[in-house]
Amino acid sequence: MRNIALLVSYDGTGYYGFQSQPGGNTVQDKIEEAIHMLSGERVKLTGSGRTDAGVHALGQVANFQTTSSIPAERWAIALNSRLPNDIVVHAAVEVALDFHARRCAVGKTYRYSINSFRFPDVFARHRVFHHPAPLNFGAMREGLTHLLGEHDFTSFTSPLSTKPHHVRTLYEASLRVDAASGGSEASGRGVAHITVTGNGFLYNMVRIISGTILQVGEGKRRPEDIADILAAKNRARSGPTAVPYGLTMCSVEYGPEWGLNWKPPYN
C-alpha cells in the first residue's frame, strides 16, 4: 500500500464544495473518478479542508492510498488528462502511510477578495465579491488586528459547527489593496484582499470575519468593536456571512517531517 499526496487548484464555481456529498458534483468526486479511470481503484480522497460550494482553492492538499505501481511523479499529468479543466493537480508525491492531509496540517491560509469599484469586473465575477461603494480600508485593517493571536472564535463561526471547542490561533490577519487594480486607499476604491493564516479554521469562520470587517469598512462598526465581538462568544454579535465565491484557500502548511514544502502555484 502506498500513500500519495496531491497539490490541487480548482475553480469552485460549478461544484457543491470539495467534500463528497450524496448529490455528487464535488471536487473530491471528480478526482476520485479520475483516479478510478487511471488505476481502476475506488479510493477515498482526504482533503486538508472542506471548502464550501463556490469557494476556490489555489493550494488544496489531499491524499489517498493506492496499491498501484504508477510512479508518483506521473500521477499529476495522468490525472489532469482525466479531470475537467477547472480542476488541476500541480504535484503528486509519495508520503508516509500515516500522513493525513487534514490531521497533519499545522497551518492554513485563506484569502477573501473584494472589489469596491463602482462597477464589477466581468472577468473576476466568480472569484471577487463586488461592493459598489467605497470602503475605509484603513479601518478594516485596524479591525483585523484584534483577531490576531489565540481566541475563542465562537462569534465567528456558524451555530452548525460540530467542533468540540472554538479556540483557534491566527498568525496573520491583514488587508492589502492590489496596486495593479488602479485603486487607492484615499478613494476607498480598489480590489482588496483580506488574508488570514491560522492553525485551523471553523465552519464559515473566514466568511464571517470578512462579512464583519466589511461592515467596519462601511462605517457600520468601529475597528475596536471586533475585540468586543470576540469577547461576547456569540454569533449574533458579528456580521453576515460573506458570499462564498470571494473566498480562496491559498495554502496548507505541514511540519518538516512530511517533506511537503509546497507553495501556492499562483499568486
Protein backbone atom coordinates (compact mmCIF):
# COMPACT_ATOMS: atom_id res chain seq x y z
CA MET A 1 0.00 0.00 0.00
CA ARG A 2 1.23 3.49 -0.89
CA ASN A 3 0.08 6.95 0.19
CA ILE A 4 0.00 9.68 -2.47
CA ALA A 5 -0.35 13.40 -1.64
CA LEU A 6 -1.66 15.84 -4.24
CA LEU A 7 -1.42 19.63 -4.60
CA VAL A 8 -4.67 20.76 -6.23
CA SER A 9 -6.14 24.02 -7.57
CA TYR A 10 -9.76 24.41 -8.56
CA ASP A 11 -12.38 26.94 -9.54
CA GLY A 12 -15.21 26.05 -7.17
CA THR A 13 -17.92 27.86 -9.14
CA GLY A 14 -19.55 24.76 -10.55
CA TYR A 15 -19.18 22.46 -7.54
CA TYR A 16 -21.00 21.79 -4.28
CA GLY A 17 -17.75 22.16 -2.38
CA PHE A 18 -14.72 19.91 -2.00
CA GLN A 19 -16.06 17.06 0.13
CA SER A 20 -18.16 14.31 -1.40
CA GLN A 21 -21.92 14.60 -0.83
CA PRO A 22 -24.89 12.36 -1.64
CA GLY A 23 -25.83 14.65 -4.54
CA GLY A 24 -22.36 14.32 -6.07
CA ASN A 25 -20.70 17.04 -8.17
CA THR A 26 -17.92 17.85 -5.75
CA VAL A 27 -14.19 18.28 -6.35
CA GLN A 28 -13.48 15.12 -4.34
CA ASP A 29 -15.90 13.16 -6.55
CA LYS A 30 -14.19 14.33 -9.73
CA ILE A 31 -10.69 13.47 -8.52
CA GLU A 32 -11.78 10.06 -7.25
CA GLU A 33 -13.39 9.35 -10.62
CA ALA A 34 -10.16 10.33 -12.38
CA ILE A 35 -8.15 8.02 -10.10
CA HIS A 36 -10.54 5.18 -10.90
CA MET A 37 -10.17 5.79 -14.64
CA LEU A 38 -6.39 5.78 -14.26
CA SER A 39 -5.75 2.89 -11.87
CA GLY A 40 -9.05 1.01 -11.73
CA GLU A 41 -9.22 1.55 -7.97
CA ARG A 42 -12.02 3.00 -5.88
CA VAL A 43 -10.20 5.18 -3.35
CA LYS A 44 -11.22 7.69 -0.72
CA LEU A 45 -9.57 11.07 -1.14
CA THR A 46 -8.91 13.05 2.05
CA GLY A 47 -8.68 16.83 1.71
CA SER A 48 -6.99 19.26 4.08
CA GLY A 49 -10.22 21.25 4.35
CA ARG A 50 -13.87 21.19 3.35
CA THR A 51 -14.31 24.23 1.14
CA ASP A 52 -17.97 25.21 0.65
CA ALA A 53 -19.89 25.39 -2.61
CA GLY A 54 -18.47 28.19 -4.76
CA VAL A 55 -15.22 28.50 -2.78
CA HIS A 56 -11.95 28.18 -4.72
CA ALA A 57 -8.51 26.74 -3.94
CA LEU A 58 -5.00 27.55 -5.08
CA GLY A 59 -3.19 25.04 -2.89
CA GLN A 60 -5.58 22.43 -1.55
CA VAL A 61 -3.72 19.33 -0.34
CA ALA A 62 -5.30 15.87 -0.49
CA ASN A 63 -4.10 12.30 -0.11
CA PHE A 64 -5.23 8.78 -0.95
CA GLN A 65 -3.91 5.26 -0.51
CA THR A 66 -3.30 3.05 -3.51
CA THR A 67 -1.89 -0.31 -4.48
CA SER A 68 -1.00 1.00 -7.93
CA SER A 69 2.63 0.89 -9.06
CA ILE A 70 2.32 4.12 -11.09
CA PRO A 71 5.34 6.32 -10.20
CA ALA A 72 4.35 9.28 -8.02
CA GLU A 73 5.70 11.83 -10.48
CA ARG A 74 3.34 10.57 -13.20
CA TRP A 75 0.10 10.96 -11.26
CA ALA A 76 -0.33 14.72 -11.81
CA ILE A 77 -0.16 14.69 -15.62
CA ALA A 78 -2.15 11.47 -15.85
CA LEU A 79 -4.94 12.78 -13.61
CA ASN A 80 -5.12 16.15 -15.36
CA SER A 81 -5.88 14.41 -18.65
CA ARG A 82 -8.90 12.83 -16.95
CA LEU A 83 -10.12 15.85 -14.95
CA PRO A 84 -12.38 18.73 -16.02
CA ASN A 85 -10.45 21.87 -16.90
CA ASP A 86 -11.48 23.71 -13.71
CA ILE A 87 -9.52 21.25 -11.54
CA VAL A 88 -5.72 20.96 -11.85
CA VAL A 89 -3.30 18.70 -9.99
CA HIS A 90 0.05 20.53 -9.79
CA ALA A 91 2.12 17.92 -7.98
CA ALA A 92 1.98 14.41 -6.59
CA VAL A 93 4.43 12.81 -4.16
CA GLU A 94 4.55 9.59 -2.18
CA VAL A 95 4.35 10.23 1.56
CA ALA A 96 4.41 8.11 4.70
CA LEU A 97 1.41 5.85 5.22
CA ASP A 98 0.38 7.76 8.36
CA PHE A 99 0.19 11.11 6.56
CA HIS A 100 -3.32 12.59 6.69
CA ALA A 101 -3.94 15.82 4.74
CA ARG A 102 -6.24 17.30 7.38
CA ARG A 103 -4.94 15.95 10.68
CA CYS A 104 -1.28 16.61 9.89
CA ALA A 105 -1.80 20.22 8.79
CA VAL A 106 -0.28 22.82 11.12
CA GLY A 107 -1.48 25.95 9.34
CA LYS A 108 -3.70 27.22 6.55
CA THR A 109 -4.01 30.49 4.66
CA TYR A 110 -7.22 31.86 3.15
CA ARG A 111 -7.88 34.99 1.12
CA TYR A 112 -11.12 36.92 0.67
CA SER A 113 -11.21 39.31 -2.29
CA ILE A 114 -13.40 42.43 -2.57
CA ASN A 115 -13.85 44.83 -5.48
CA SER A 116 -15.05 48.26 -4.28
CA PHE A 117 -15.04 49.97 -7.67
CA ARG A 118 -18.36 51.33 -8.89
CA PHE A 119 -18.70 48.57 -11.48
CA PRO A 120 -17.84 44.86 -11.26
CA ASP A 121 -15.07 43.16 -13.21
CA VAL A 122 -16.91 40.79 -15.53
CA PHE A 123 -13.87 38.52 -15.77
CA ALA A 124 -13.46 38.21 -11.97
CA ARG A 125 -17.14 37.92 -11.08
CA HIS A 126 -16.81 34.31 -9.90
CA ARG A 127 -13.90 34.94 -7.53
CA VAL A 128 -14.14 38.54 -6.28
CA PHE A 129 -17.07 39.96 -4.30
CA HIS A 130 -18.31 43.25 -5.74
CA HIS A 131 -19.09 46.05 -3.25
CA PRO A 132 -20.05 49.12 -5.34
CA ALA A 133 -19.50 51.71 -2.58
CA PRO A 134 -16.10 52.90 -1.31
CA LEU A 135 -14.62 51.26 1.77
CA ASN A 136 -12.42 52.52 4.59
CA PHE A 137 -9.50 50.17 4.05
CA GLY A 138 -7.53 51.60 6.98
CA ALA A 139 -10.37 50.90 9.42
CA MET A 140 -10.76 47.38 8.06
CA ARG A 141 -7.04 46.77 8.51
CA GLU A 142 -7.19 48.06 12.07
CA GLY A 143 -10.18 45.86 12.85
CA LEU A 144 -8.35 42.77 11.65
CA THR A 145 -5.52 43.32 14.17
CA HIS A 146 -7.90 42.47 17.02
CA LEU A 147 -8.20 38.92 15.64
CA LEU A 148 -4.50 38.12 15.91
CA GLY A 149 -3.41 35.56 18.47
CA GLU A 150 -5.31 32.85 20.30
CA HIS A 151 -9.01 33.46 20.86
CA ASP A 152 -12.32 31.69 21.23
CA PHE A 153 -13.89 32.35 17.81
CA THR A 154 -17.44 31.31 18.73
CA SER A 155 -18.69 34.70 17.48
CA PHE A 156 -17.14 33.98 14.10
CA THR A 157 -18.42 30.51 13.38
CA SER A 158 -21.73 29.05 12.32
CA PRO A 159 -24.02 27.65 15.04
CA LEU A 160 -23.87 24.46 12.95
CA SER A 161 -20.22 23.95 13.91
CA THR A 162 -19.58 20.47 15.28
CA LYS A 163 -16.12 21.18 16.72
CA PRO A 164 -15.63 20.41 20.44
CA HIS A 165 -14.16 23.87 21.07
CA HIS A 166 -13.73 27.10 19.11
CA VAL A 167 -10.28 28.22 20.25
CA ARG A 168 -8.00 28.96 17.31
CA THR A 169 -4.81 30.99 16.73
CA LEU A 170 -4.43 33.49 13.90
CA TYR A 171 -0.85 34.31 12.89
CA GLU A 172 -1.83 36.80 10.19
CA ALA A 173 -4.94 38.91 9.62
CA SER A 174 -4.18 41.59 7.07
CA LEU A 175 -5.62 43.61 4.20
CA ARG A 176 -3.80 44.60 1.03
CA VAL A 177 -5.12 46.78 -1.78
CA ASP A 178 -3.94 45.44 -5.13
CA ALA A 179 -1.85 48.21 -6.69
CA ALA A 180 -2.37 46.73 -10.15
CA SER A 181 -6.13 47.29 -9.83
CA GLY A 182 -5.70 51.06 -10.08
CA GLY A 183 -7.44 51.73 -6.79
CA SER A 184 -6.23 53.78 -3.85
CA GLU A 185 -6.53 53.90 -0.08
CA ALA A 186 -7.69 57.53 -0.21
CA SER A 187 -10.60 56.87 -2.57
CA GLY A 188 -11.68 53.66 -0.90
CA ARG A 189 -11.89 52.14 -4.36
CA GLY A 190 -9.89 49.11 -5.45
CA VAL A 191 -9.52 45.37 -5.22
CA ALA A 192 -8.70 44.44 -1.63
CA HIS A 193 -7.53 41.07 -0.36
CA ILE A 194 -8.12 40.01 3.24
CA THR A 195 -5.57 37.33 4.16
CA VAL A 196 -5.80 35.18 7.27
CA THR A 197 -3.37 32.48 8.37
CA GLY A 198 -4.05 30.27 11.36
CA ASN A 199 -3.54 26.88 12.94
CA GLY A 200 -7.09 25.92 11.99
CA PHE A 201 -10.44 27.36 10.94
CA LEU A 202 -14.05 26.76 11.93
CA TYR A 203 -17.12 26.36 9.74
CA ASN A 204 -17.71 29.66 7.87
CA MET A 205 -15.11 31.40 10.05
CA VAL A 206 -13.28 33.32 7.30
CA ARG A 207 -16.52 34.32 5.58
CA ILE A 208 -17.99 35.66 8.84
CA ILE A 209 -14.76 37.54 9.59
CA SER A 210 -14.91 39.04 6.09
CA GLY A 211 -18.58 39.98 6.39
CA THR A 212 -17.94 41.68 9.73
CA ILE A 213 -14.83 43.53 8.54
CA LEU A 214 -16.81 44.74 5.53
CA GLN A 215 -19.20 46.43 7.96
CA VAL A 216 -16.19 48.17 9.53
CA GLY A 217 -15.21 49.38 6.07
CA GLU A 218 -18.75 50.67 5.51
CA GLY A 219 -18.64 52.63 8.79
CA LYS A 220 -21.35 50.49 10.39
CA ARG A 221 -18.93 49.28 13.06
CA ARG A 222 -15.77 50.66 14.65
CA PRO A 223 -12.48 48.74 14.36
CA GLU A 224 -12.38 48.25 18.13
CA ASP A 225 -15.81 46.59 18.03
CA ILE A 226 -14.08 43.45 16.75
CA ALA A 227 -12.50 42.87 20.17
CA ASP A 228 -15.91 43.18 21.83
CA ILE A 229 -17.45 40.75 19.35
CA LEU A 230 -14.73 38.19 20.10
CA ALA A 231 -15.23 38.56 23.84
CA ALA A 232 -19.01 38.07 23.52
CA LYS A 233 -18.62 34.50 22.15
CA ASN A 234 -21.98 34.97 20.46
CA ARG A 235 -22.60 34.54 16.71
CA ALA A 236 -25.44 37.08 16.88
CA ARG A 237 -22.92 39.85 17.67
CA SER A 238 -20.91 39.52 14.45
CA GLY A 239 -21.78 40.46 10.88
CA PRO A 240 -23.19 38.49 7.96
CA THR A 241 -21.53 35.50 6.34
CA ALA A 242 -19.85 36.89 3.20
CA VAL A 243 -20.72 35.24 -0.12
CA PRO A 244 -18.63 32.12 -0.83
CA TYR A 245 -17.18 32.98 -4.24
CA GLY A 246 -14.88 35.68 -2.85
CA LEU A 247 -13.02 33.10 -0.78
CA THR A 248 -9.95 31.13 -1.83
CA MET A 249 -7.96 28.54 0.11
CA CYS A 250 -4.41 29.62 -0.67
CA SER A 251 -2.09 27.15 1.03
CA VAL A 252 -1.67 24.47 3.68
CA GLU A 253 1.40 24.10 5.87
CA TYR A 254 2.88 20.88 7.27
CA GLY A 255 5.75 20.10 9.60
CA PRO A 256 9.17 19.29 8.09
CA GLU A 257 8.78 15.62 8.93
CA TRP A 258 6.39 15.17 6.00
CA GLY A 259 8.70 16.64 3.35
CA LEU A 260 5.98 18.86 1.87
CA ASN A 261 7.14 22.43 1.27
CA TRP A 262 4.53 23.21 -1.38
CA LYS A 263 3.67 26.80 -2.13
CA PRO A 264 0.58 28.05 -3.99
CA PRO A 265 1.10 27.58 -7.74
CA TYR A 266 -0.37 31.03 -8.46
CA ASN A 267 -0.24 34.42 -6.78
